[in-house]
Structure formats: C-alpha cells, structure tokens
C-alpha cells in the first residue's frame, strides 16, 4: 500500500511541478 501511495504522490508531484515550471 505505502509503495503505491508514494508512487502515486511522486507522479502527481512531478506532473504538477512540470506544469508549473517547465525549466530543466
């Protein structure tokens, strides 16, 4: 369960960050 949650959160955070700042 924890693994799935961490993965989901990581993917969401990555997407949000990429959308906000597209530098890098």
Protein backbone atom coordinates (compact mmCIF):
# COMPACT_ATOMS: atom_id res chain seq x y z
CA UNK A 1 0.00 0.00 0.00
CA UNK A 2 2.67 2.51 1.03
CA UNK A 3 4.60 1.80 -2.15
CA UNK A 4 1.55 2.55 -4.30
CA UNK A 5 0.81 5.74 -2.36
CA UNK A 6 4.38 7.00 -2.60
CA UNK A 7 4.48 6.25 -6.32
CA UNK A 8 1.16 7.98 -6.94
CA UNK A 9 2.16 11.02 -4.90
CA UNK A 10 5.52 11.19 -6.65
CA UNK A 11 3.93 11.07 -10.09
CA UNK A 12 1.36 13.72 -9.16
CA UNK A 13 4.04 15.98 -7.66
CA UNK A 14 6.21 15.54 -10.75
CA UNK A 15 3.34 16.43 -13.09
CA UNK A 16 2.33 19.48 -11.06
CA UNK A 17 5.92 20.70 -10.86
CA UNK A 18 6.48 20.16 -14.58
CA UNK A 19 3.30 22.07 -15.39
CA UNK A 20 4.17 24.94 -13.07
CA UNK A 21 7.81 25.35 -14.08
CA UNK A 22 8.96 23.98 -17.43
CA UNK A 23 12.63 24.81 -16.85
CA UNK A 24 15.15 21.98 -16.64
